[in-house]
Amino acid sequence: MENVVAVFIPIVMFLVLGLILVTFIYYRSRERQLLIEKGLSAEEIKQFFAQKRDPFFLFKIGVISIFFGLGLGFGLMLEQNGQKDFWVPLLLFVGTGMGFVVANLSGNKLREKYNASHPG
C-alpha cells in the first residue's frame, strides 16, 4: 500500500502544478480579452498592466522568507534543547505571519516614497 501512495505523490504534485499553471494562463488571457472587448487601445492596456505591477514584490518575498527562516531556526533550536515538539510549527506560523505584516507595512512606506518621487 505504501508503494502505491509513493507512486501517486509525484503524479498528483505534477497534476496540481499543471492545473495551477493552466488556470493562471486562462485567467490572464481572459482579463486581456475583456480589456480588448471594452475597446481600450493598446496604450491604455499597457498603462493598465503597468499600474498593476508592484515594484516591491521581491522585497516583500524576501522579508517573508527571512521571517520564515528565523521562525524555523528558532523552532528547531528550542526543539533540540529538549523542549516540546510544538515550537517548530508555532514559530513557523508566527514568524511567517510577522513577515507578512512587516513586508506589507514596509512595502506601503516604500510605495509612498516611490510615488512621491515619481509623480504621474
Protein backbone atom coordinates (compact mmCIF):
# COMPACT_ATOMS: atom_id res chain seq x y z
CA MET A 1 0.00 0.00 0.00
CA GLU A 2 2.85 2.40 0.82
CA ASN A 3 4.40 1.84 -2.62
CA VAL A 4 1.14 2.84 -4.31
CA VAL A 5 0.98 6.06 -2.30
CA ALA A 6 4.64 6.79 -3.06
CA VAL A 7 3.92 6.49 -6.79
CA PHE A 8 0.88 8.77 -6.68
CA ILE A 9 2.56 11.61 -4.77
CA PRO A 10 4.63 12.93 -7.72
CA ILE A 11 1.74 12.32 -10.13
CA VAL A 12 -0.66 14.36 -8.00
CA MET A 13 2.00 17.05 -7.49
CA PHE A 14 2.50 17.49 -11.23
CA LEU A 15 -1.24 17.47 -11.88
CA VAL A 16 -1.82 20.19 -9.29
CA LEU A 17 1.07 22.29 -10.61
CA GLY A 18 -0.25 21.89 -14.15
CA LEU A 19 -3.75 22.86 -13.06
CA ILE A 20 -2.43 25.98 -11.33
CA LEU A 21 -0.41 26.97 -14.41
CA VAL A 22 -3.32 26.41 -16.81
CA THR A 23 -5.69 28.36 -14.54
CA PHE A 24 -3.23 31.27 -14.31
CA ILE A 25 -2.78 31.40 -18.09
CA TYR A 26 -6.55 31.14 -18.69
CA TYR A 27 -7.46 33.97 -16.32
CA ARG A 28 -4.67 36.21 -17.60
CA SER A 29 -5.87 35.62 -21.15
CA ARG A 30 -9.48 36.23 -20.12
CA GLU A 31 -8.53 39.51 -18.44
CA ARG A 32 -6.80 40.73 -21.58
CA GLN A 33 -9.72 39.63 -23.72
CA LEU A 34 -12.13 41.63 -21.55
CA LEU A 35 -9.93 44.72 -21.85
CA ILE A 36 -9.94 44.40 -25.64
CA GLU A 37 -13.72 43.91 -25.67
CA LYS A 38 -14.09 47.13 -23.67
CA GLY A 39 -12.45 48.91 -26.58
CA LEU A 40 -9.26 50.02 -24.85
CA SER A 41 -6.35 50.96 -27.07
CA ALA A 42 -3.00 49.19 -26.88
CA GLU A 43 -1.51 52.12 -24.98
CA GLU A 44 -4.32 52.07 -22.41
CA ILE A 45 -3.88 48.32 -21.93
CA LYS A 46 -0.13 48.78 -21.38
CA GLN A 47 -0.85 51.51 -18.85
CA PHE A 48 -3.39 49.29 -17.06
CA PHE A 49 -0.87 46.46 -16.66
CA ALA A 50 1.90 48.87 -15.62
CA GLN A 51 -0.33 50.09 -12.77
CA LYS A 52 -0.94 46.54 -11.58
CA ARG A 53 2.75 45.70 -11.12
CA ASP A 54 4.16 46.02 -7.63
CA PRO A 55 7.76 47.24 -7.84
CA PHE A 56 8.44 45.93 -4.33
CA PHE A 57 7.17 42.38 -4.83
CA LEU A 58 10.59 40.74 -4.50
CA PHE A 59 11.36 42.87 -1.44
CA LYS A 60 8.20 41.58 0.23
CA ILE A 61 9.02 37.98 -0.67
CA GLY A 62 12.49 38.45 0.80
CA VAL A 63 11.17 39.83 4.09
CA ILE A 64 8.65 36.99 4.39
CA SER A 65 11.38 34.42 3.63
CA ILE A 66 13.69 35.90 6.28
CA PHE A 67 10.98 35.71 8.94
CA PHE A 68 10.06 32.17 7.83
CA GLY A 69 13.72 31.13 8.18
CA LEU A 70 14.05 32.79 11.58
CA GLY A 71 10.90 31.04 12.80
CA LEU A 72 12.18 27.69 11.54
CA GLY A 73 15.62 28.22 13.05
CA PHE A 74 14.39 29.28 16.47
CA GLY A 75 11.83 26.46 16.50
CA LEU A 76 14.48 23.87 15.71
CA MET A 77 16.81 25.31 18.37
CA LEU A 78 14.12 25.12 21.03
CA GLU A 79 13.10 21.61 19.95
CA GLN A 80 16.73 20.41 20.07
CA ASN A 81 17.17 21.73 23.58
CA GLY A 82 14.63 19.19 24.80
CA GLN A 83 11.63 21.48 24.77
CA LYS A 84 8.22 20.40 23.46
CA ASP A 85 7.61 19.47 19.82
CA PHE A 86 5.17 22.32 19.16
CA TRP A 87 7.83 25.03 18.81
CA VAL A 88 8.63 24.47 15.14
CA PRO A 89 5.08 24.82 13.77
CA LEU A 90 4.26 27.60 16.23
CA LEU A 91 7.29 29.71 15.36
CA LEU A 92 6.90 28.97 11.63
CA PHE A 93 3.38 30.37 11.60
CA VAL A 94 4.15 33.27 13.94
CA GLY A 95 7.35 34.16 12.08
CA THR A 96 5.71 33.97 8.67
CA GLY A 97 2.74 36.00 9.88
CA MET A 98 5.05 38.65 11.28
CA GLY A 99 6.92 38.61 7.99
CA PHE A 100 3.71 39.31 6.07
CA VAL A 101 2.85 42.20 8.38
CA VAL A 102 6.34 43.73 8.23
CA ALA A 103 6.53 43.25 4.45
CA ASN A 104 3.15 44.91 3.96
CA LEU A 105 3.93 47.88 6.22
CA SER A 106 7.40 48.46 4.79
CA GLY A 107 6.14 47.91 1.23
CA ASN A 108 3.46 50.56 1.76
CA LYS A 109 6.03 53.04 3.07
CA LEU A 110 8.35 52.34 0.13
CA ARG A 111 5.45 52.70 -2.30
CA GLU A 112 4.52 56.09 -0.78
CA LYS A 113 8.12 57.30 -1.17
CA TYR A 114 8.27 55.90 -4.70
CA ASN A 115 5.00 57.58 -5.72
CA ALA A 116 6.13 60.89 -4.18
CA SER A 117 9.40 60.84 -6.12
CA HIS A 118 7.81 59.57 -9.37
CA PRO A 119 4.60 61.56 -9.85
CA GLY A 120 2.30 60.69 -12.69
